[in-house]
Amino acid sequence: QVQLVESGGGSVQSGGSLRLSCAASGYTYSNYCMGWFRQAPGKEREGIATINNNGITTYADSVKGRFTISQDNGKNTMYLQMNSLKPEDTAMYYCAADLGSWAWMRCWRRREADFAYWGQGTQVTVSS
């Protein structure tokens, strides 16, 4: 059973930093795409960063240059380092996994429908 558990959310002032973690368990796949999504109140869920089994990363324009996605395969953990946080980054943050065939190839799309497995989410609040 695939499980994803996020941690690291919290409250921070504008300009601050947070690091989110996503611990994955229950699977061993050589081809995958892992991603971070976020959803602010009243808004659609947004794919903000992905990383595949080759270590190739993609970012939404809204976070490019401020957020960094990474993974530690030995720990089965994915991270999202968030710097220069802004009030508009306030949202629930979710990690997700696409373990389907050719997942690594479609990772660039950051499309919610591609991801079958989701964590429970962790709240990030940025105050001005």
N, C-alpha and C. Protein backbone atom coordinates (compact mmCIF):
# COMPACT_ATOMS: atom_id res chain seq x y z
N GLN A 1 0.84 -1.19 0.00
CA GLN A 1 0.00 0.00 0.00
C GLN A 1 0.88 1.25 0.00
N VAL A 2 0.67 2.08 -0.99
CA VAL A 2 1.47 3.29 -1.12
C VAL A 2 0.99 4.32 -0.10
N GLN A 3 1.94 4.88 0.63
CA GLN A 3 1.62 5.93 1.59
C GLN A 3 2.58 7.09 1.41
N LEU A 4 2.02 8.29 1.47
CA LEU A 4 2.80 9.52 1.40
C LEU A 4 2.44 10.37 2.61
N VAL A 5 3.44 10.80 3.34
CA VAL A 5 3.20 11.58 4.55
C VAL A 5 4.03 12.85 4.50
N GLU A 6 3.33 13.99 4.48
CA GLU A 6 4.03 15.28 4.45
C GLU A 6 4.29 15.78 5.86
N SER A 7 5.31 16.60 5.98
CA SER A 7 5.60 17.28 7.24
C SER A 7 6.38 18.55 6.93
N GLY A 8 6.48 19.42 7.92
CA GLY A 8 7.30 20.61 7.76
C GLY A 8 6.56 21.91 7.54
N GLY A 9 5.24 21.83 7.42
CA GLY A 9 4.49 23.06 7.24
C GLY A 9 4.48 23.90 8.52
N GLY A 10 3.95 25.10 8.40
CA GLY A 10 3.87 25.98 9.56
C GLY A 10 3.61 27.41 9.14
N SER A 11 3.83 28.31 10.08
CA SER A 11 3.62 29.73 9.84
C SER A 11 4.96 30.44 9.81
N VAL A 12 5.10 31.35 8.88
CA VAL A 12 6.35 32.08 8.71
C VAL A 12 6.03 33.46 8.18
N GLN A 13 6.92 34.40 8.44
CA GLN A 13 6.73 35.75 7.92
C GLN A 13 7.24 35.84 6.49
N SER A 14 6.73 36.82 5.79
CA SER A 14 7.14 37.05 4.41
C SER A 14 8.66 37.19 4.33
N GLY A 15 9.23 36.51 3.34
CA GLY A 15 10.67 36.49 3.18
C GLY A 15 11.35 35.33 3.86
N GLY A 16 10.61 34.60 4.67
CA GLY A 16 11.17 33.48 5.40
C GLY A 16 11.25 32.21 4.57
N SER A 17 11.68 31.13 5.22
CA SER A 17 11.88 29.86 4.54
C SER A 17 11.25 28.72 5.33
N LEU A 18 10.87 27.68 4.61
CA LEU A 18 10.40 26.44 5.19
C LEU A 18 10.87 25.30 4.30
N ARG A 19 11.02 24.13 4.89
CA ARG A 19 11.32 22.93 4.11
C ARG A 19 10.26 21.88 4.40
N LEU A 20 9.58 21.47 3.36
CA LEU A 20 8.60 20.41 3.47
C LEU A 20 9.25 19.07 3.14
N SER A 21 8.77 18.02 3.80
CA SER A 21 9.24 16.67 3.53
C SER A 21 8.04 15.79 3.18
N CYS A 22 8.31 14.80 2.35
CA CYS A 22 7.29 13.83 1.98
C CYS A 22 7.93 12.45 2.07
N ALA A 23 7.54 11.69 3.07
CA ALA A 23 8.05 10.34 3.26
C ALA A 23 7.17 9.35 2.54
N ALA A 24 7.77 8.57 1.65
CA ALA A 24 7.03 7.62 0.84
C ALA A 24 7.32 6.19 1.29
N SER A 25 6.30 5.37 1.25
CA SER A 25 6.48 3.96 1.60
C SER A 25 5.50 3.11 0.83
N GLY A 26 5.79 1.81 0.79
CA GLY A 26 4.85 0.87 0.21
C GLY A 26 5.05 0.56 -1.25
N TYR A 27 6.13 1.06 -1.84
CA TYR A 27 6.36 0.75 -3.24
C TYR A 27 7.85 0.84 -3.56
N THR A 28 8.19 0.14 -4.62
CA THR A 28 9.54 0.23 -5.18
C THR A 28 9.39 0.27 -6.68
N TYR A 29 9.55 1.42 -7.25
CA TYR A 29 9.41 1.60 -8.68
C TYR A 29 10.66 2.26 -9.24
N SER A 30 11.08 1.82 -10.39
CA SER A 30 12.24 2.42 -11.01
C SER A 30 11.86 3.64 -11.84
N ASN A 31 10.60 3.69 -12.28
CA ASN A 31 10.12 4.83 -13.06
C ASN A 31 9.00 5.51 -12.30
N TYR A 32 9.14 6.79 -12.04
CA TYR A 32 8.11 7.49 -11.29
C TYR A 32 8.23 8.99 -11.50
N CYS A 33 7.20 9.66 -11.08
CA CYS A 33 7.21 11.11 -10.98
C CYS A 33 6.62 11.46 -9.61
N MET A 34 7.34 12.29 -8.89
CA MET A 34 6.86 12.79 -7.61
C MET A 34 6.65 14.29 -7.74
N GLY A 35 5.62 14.79 -7.06
CA GLY A 35 5.34 16.20 -7.22
C GLY A 35 4.81 16.86 -5.95
N TRP A 36 4.91 18.17 -5.95
CA TRP A 36 4.29 19.00 -4.92
C TRP A 36 3.19 19.83 -5.56
N PHE A 37 2.04 19.82 -4.93
CA PHE A 37 0.91 20.62 -5.35
C PHE A 37 0.50 21.50 -4.17
N ARG A 38 -0.24 22.55 -4.47
CA ARG A 38 -0.78 23.36 -3.40
C ARG A 38 -2.16 23.86 -3.78
N GLN A 39 -2.96 24.12 -2.75
CA GLN A 39 -4.30 24.62 -2.97
C GLN A 39 -4.62 25.68 -1.93
N ALA A 40 -4.86 26.88 -2.41
CA ALA A 40 -5.26 27.99 -1.55
C ALA A 40 -6.78 28.02 -1.48
N PRO A 41 -7.33 28.59 -0.41
CA PRO A 41 -8.79 28.66 -0.29
C PRO A 41 -9.43 29.33 -1.50
N GLY A 42 -10.43 28.67 -2.05
CA GLY A 42 -11.15 29.23 -3.17
C GLY A 42 -10.45 29.10 -4.51
N LYS A 43 -9.31 28.41 -4.53
CA LYS A 43 -8.55 28.27 -5.78
C LYS A 43 -8.38 26.80 -6.13
N GLU A 44 -8.06 26.56 -7.38
CA GLU A 44 -7.80 25.19 -7.83
C GLU A 44 -6.43 24.73 -7.36
N ARG A 45 -6.30 23.40 -7.27
CA ARG A 45 -5.01 22.84 -6.90
C ARG A 45 -4.00 23.10 -8.01
N GLU A 46 -2.81 23.50 -7.63
CA GLU A 46 -1.77 23.91 -8.59
C GLU A 46 -0.54 23.01 -8.43
N GLY A 47 -0.07 22.47 -9.52
CA GLY A 47 1.17 21.71 -9.50
C GLY A 47 2.34 22.68 -9.53
N ILE A 48 3.19 22.65 -8.51
CA ILE A 48 4.23 23.66 -8.44
C ILE A 48 5.63 23.11 -8.70
N ALA A 49 5.85 21.81 -8.48
CA ALA A 49 7.18 21.26 -8.72
C ALA A 49 7.09 19.75 -8.86
N THR A 50 7.90 19.20 -9.74
CA THR A 50 7.98 17.76 -9.90
C THR A 50 9.43 17.32 -10.06
N ILE A 51 9.65 16.04 -9.75
CA ILE A 51 10.96 15.43 -9.94
C ILE A 51 10.74 13.99 -10.35
N ASN A 52 11.51 13.50 -11.32
CA ASN A 52 11.32 12.11 -11.73
C ASN A 52 12.51 11.24 -11.29
N ASN A 53 12.46 9.98 -11.69
CA ASN A 53 13.48 9.05 -11.25
C ASN A 53 14.85 9.39 -11.81
N ASN A 54 14.90 10.20 -12.85
CA ASN A 54 16.18 10.66 -13.39
C ASN A 54 16.67 11.94 -12.73
N GLY A 55 15.90 12.44 -11.78
CA GLY A 55 16.29 13.67 -11.09
C GLY A 55 15.97 14.94 -11.85
N ILE A 56 15.20 14.80 -12.91
CA ILE A 56 14.83 15.98 -13.69
C ILE A 56 13.69 16.70 -12.99
N THR A 57 13.83 17.98 -12.85
CA THR A 57 12.85 18.78 -12.10
C THR A 57 12.13 19.77 -13.02
N THR A 58 10.92 20.11 -12.62
CA THR A 58 10.18 21.18 -13.28
C THR A 58 9.54 22.04 -12.21
N TYR A 59 9.28 23.29 -12.57
CA TYR A 59 8.69 24.24 -11.62
C TYR A 59 7.65 25.10 -12.32
N ALA A 60 6.62 25.45 -11.56
CA ALA A 60 5.69 26.45 -12.03
C ALA A 60 6.36 27.82 -11.98
N ASP A 61 5.95 28.70 -12.85
CA ASP A 61 6.55 30.03 -12.89
C ASP A 61 6.40 30.76 -11.56
N SER A 62 5.32 30.46 -10.84
CA SER A 62 5.03 31.16 -9.60
C SER A 62 6.06 30.87 -8.50
N VAL A 63 6.81 29.77 -8.64
CA VAL A 63 7.77 29.41 -7.59
C VAL A 63 9.20 29.28 -8.11
N LYS A 64 9.37 29.39 -9.41
CA LYS A 64 10.69 29.20 -10.00
C LYS A 64 11.68 30.21 -9.43
N GLY A 65 12.85 29.73 -9.05
CA GLY A 65 13.87 30.59 -8.47
C GLY A 65 13.77 30.74 -6.97
N ARG A 66 12.64 30.33 -6.39
CA ARG A 66 12.46 30.43 -4.93
C ARG A 66 12.34 29.07 -4.26
N PHE A 67 11.73 28.12 -4.96
CA PHE A 67 11.52 26.78 -4.40
C PHE A 67 12.46 25.78 -5.08
N THR A 68 12.88 24.78 -4.33
CA THR A 68 13.72 23.72 -4.87
C THR A 68 13.18 22.37 -4.43
N ILE A 69 12.92 21.51 -5.41
CA ILE A 69 12.47 20.16 -5.12
C ILE A 69 13.69 19.23 -5.19
N SER A 70 13.72 18.26 -4.28
CA SER A 70 14.83 17.31 -4.27
C SER A 70 14.34 16.00 -3.69
N GLN A 71 15.18 14.99 -3.78
CA GLN A 71 14.80 13.68 -3.25
C GLN A 71 16.01 12.98 -2.69
N ASP A 72 15.77 12.18 -1.69
CA ASP A 72 16.80 11.32 -1.10
C ASP A 72 16.28 9.89 -1.25
N ASN A 73 16.76 9.22 -2.28
CA ASN A 73 16.23 7.89 -2.57
C ASN A 73 16.55 6.89 -1.46
N GLY A 74 17.65 7.11 -0.78
CA GLY A 74 17.99 6.20 0.31
C GLY A 74 16.99 6.28 1.45
N LYS A 75 16.37 7.44 1.60
CA LYS A 75 15.38 7.63 2.66
C LYS A 75 13.95 7.60 2.14
N ASN A 76 13.80 7.39 0.82
CA ASN A 76 12.47 7.43 0.20
C ASN A 76 11.73 8.70 0.60
N THR A 77 12.42 9.80 0.52
CA THR A 77 11.85 11.06 0.95
C THR A 77 12.08 12.14 -0.10
N MET A 78 11.06 12.94 -0.31
CA MET A 78 11.14 14.08 -1.22
C MET A 78 11.03 15.35 -0.39
N TYR A 79 11.68 16.39 -0.87
CA TYR A 79 11.69 17.65 -0.13
C TYR A 79 11.26 18.81 -1.03
N LEU A 80 10.78 19.85 -0.39
CA LEU A 80 10.53 21.11 -1.07
C LEU A 80 11.10 22.22 -0.19
N GLN A 81 12.22 22.77 -0.61
CA GLN A 81 12.82 23.90 0.08
C GLN A 81 12.18 25.17 -0.46
N MET A 82 11.57 25.93 0.42
CA MET A 82 10.85 27.13 0.01
C MET A 82 11.52 28.35 0.63
N ASN A 83 12.05 29.20 -0.21
CA ASN A 83 12.71 30.42 0.23
C ASN A 83 11.95 31.64 -0.27
N SER A 84 12.26 32.78 0.32
CA SER A 84 11.62 34.04 -0.09
C SER A 84 10.11 33.90 -0.16
N LEU A 85 9.54 33.34 0.87
CA LEU A 85 8.11 33.08 0.87
C LEU A 85 7.31 34.37 0.86
N LYS A 86 6.17 34.30 0.18
CA LYS A 86 5.28 35.45 0.03
C LYS A 86 3.92 35.08 0.59
N PRO A 87 3.11 36.06 0.98
CA PRO A 87 1.76 35.76 1.47
C PRO A 87 0.95 34.94 0.47
N GLU A 88 1.17 35.14 -0.81
CA GLU A 88 0.43 34.38 -1.82
C GLU A 88 0.86 32.92 -1.91
N ASP A 89 1.89 32.53 -1.17
CA ASP A 89 2.27 31.12 -1.08
C ASP A 89 1.45 30.38 -0.04
N THR A 90 0.64 31.10 0.71
CA THR A 90 -0.21 30.47 1.72
C THR A 90 -1.17 29.49 1.06
N ALA A 91 -1.12 28.24 1.52
CA ALA A 91 -1.93 27.19 0.93
C ALA A 91 -1.72 25.89 1.70
N MET A 92 -2.55 24.90 1.37
CA MET A 92 -2.29 23.54 1.80
C MET A 92 -1.39 22.91 0.75
N TYR A 93 -0.32 22.32 1.20
CA TYR A 93 0.65 21.71 0.29
C TYR A 93 0.54 20.19 0.36
N TYR A 94 0.51 19.58 -0.82
CA TYR A 94 0.36 18.13 -0.93
C TYR A 94 1.52 17.55 -1.73
N CYS A 95 1.98 16.38 -1.31
CA CYS A 95 2.88 15.64 -2.18
C CYS A 95 2.08 14.54 -2.87
N ALA A 96 2.55 14.15 -4.03
CA ALA A 96 1.82 13.19 -4.84
C ALA A 96 2.80 12.34 -5.63
N ALA A 97 2.33 11.15 -6.02
CA ALA A 97 3.17 10.22 -6.76
C ALA A 97 2.42 9.69 -7.97
N ASP A 98 3.11 9.68 -9.09
CA ASP A 98 2.63 9.04 -10.31
C ASP A 98 3.54 7.85 -10.55
N LEU A 99 2.99 6.65 -10.40
CA LEU A 99 3.78 5.43 -10.54
C LEU A 99 3.40 4.65 -11.79
N GLY A 100 2.63 5.24 -12.64
CA GLY A 100 2.19 4.56 -13.83
C GLY A 100 3.28 4.43 -14.88
N SER A 101 2.97 3.67 -15.90
CA SER A 101 3.92 3.50 -16.99
C SER A 101 4.24 4.85 -17.60
N TRP A 102 5.51 5.06 -17.87
CA TRP A 102 5.99 6.29 -18.50
C TRP A 102 5.77 7.53 -17.64
N ALA A 103 5.61 7.33 -16.34
CA ALA A 103 5.41 8.47 -15.44
C ALA A 103 6.54 9.48 -15.57
N TRP A 104 7.76 8.95 -15.71
CA TRP A 104 8.92 9.85 -15.76
C TRP A 104 8.88 10.76 -16.98
N MET A 105 8.19 10.32 -18.03
CA MET A 105 8.14 11.12 -19.25
C MET A 105 7.11 12.23 -19.18
N ARG A 106 6.00 11.99 -18.44
CA ARG A 106 4.95 13.01 -18.41
C ARG A 106 5.08 13.91 -17.19
N CYS A 107 6.13 13.77 -16.44
CA CYS A 107 6.33 14.54 -15.23
C CYS A 107 6.28 16.04 -15.47
N TRP A 108 6.75 16.46 -16.64
CA TRP A 108 6.84 17.89 -16.93
C TRP A 108 5.47 18.56 -16.93
N ARG A 109 4.40 17.76 -17.11
CA ARG A 109 3.07 18.35 -17.24
C ARG A 109 2.55 18.90 -15.92
N ARG A 110 3.01 18.32 -14.79
CA ARG A 110 2.52 18.72 -13.48
C ARG A 110 0.98 18.68 -13.45
N ARG A 111 0.42 17.65 -14.05
CA ARG A 111 -1.03 17.56 -14.18
C ARG A 111 -1.60 16.72 -13.05
N GLU A 112 -2.53 17.27 -12.34
CA GLU A 112 -3.10 16.61 -11.16
C GLU A 112 -3.64 15.23 -11.48
N ALA A 113 -4.28 15.09 -12.63
CA ALA A 113 -4.92 13.82 -12.99
C ALA A 113 -3.91 12.69 -13.20
N ASP A 114 -2.65 13.01 -13.40
CA ASP A 114 -1.63 11.97 -13.61
C ASP A 114 -1.24 11.28 -12.31
N PHE A 115 -1.54 11.90 -11.18
CA PHE A 115 -1.03 11.43 -9.89
C PHE A 115 -2.11 10.64 -9.16
N ALA A 116 -1.82 9.37 -8.91
CA ALA A 116 -2.81 8.49 -8.28
C ALA A 116 -2.70 8.47 -6.76
N TYR A 117 -1.56 8.87 -6.24
CA TYR A 117 -1.34 8.76 -4.80
C TYR A 117 -1.04 10.14 -4.21
N TRP A 118 -1.69 10.40 -3.07
CA TRP A 118 -1.60 11.73 -2.46
C TRP A 118 -1.38 11.62 -0.96
N GLY A 119 -0.65 12.58 -0.43
CA GLY A 119 -0.55 12.70 1.01
C GLY A 119 -1.73 13.48 1.56
N GLN A 120 -1.72 13.65 2.87
CA GLN A 120 -2.85 14.29 3.53
C GLN A 120 -2.75 15.82 3.51
N GLY A 121 -1.58 16.33 3.19
CA GLY A 121 -1.40 17.77 3.11
C GLY A 121 -0.80 18.36 4.37
N THR A 122 -0.09 19.46 4.19
CA THR A 122 0.47 20.21 5.31
C THR A 122 0.27 21.70 5.02
N GLN A 123 -0.17 22.44 6.02
CA GLN A 123 -0.53 23.83 5.83
C GLN A 123 0.70 24.73 5.91
N VAL A 124 0.79 25.65 4.98
CA VAL A 124 1.82 26.69 4.99
C VAL A 124 1.12 28.04 5.02
N THR A 125 1.45 28.86 6.00
CA THR A 125 0.85 30.19 6.13
C THR A 125 1.96 31.22 6.19
N VAL A 126 1.90 32.19 5.28
CA VAL A 126 2.91 33.24 5.20
C VAL A 126 2.24 34.56 5.50
N SER A 127 2.70 35.23 6.53
CA SER A 127 2.12 36.52 6.93
C SER A 127 3.00 37.66 6.44
N SER A 128 2.33 38.78 6.15
CA SER A 128 3.06 39.95 5.62
C SER A 128 3.62 40.80 6.74
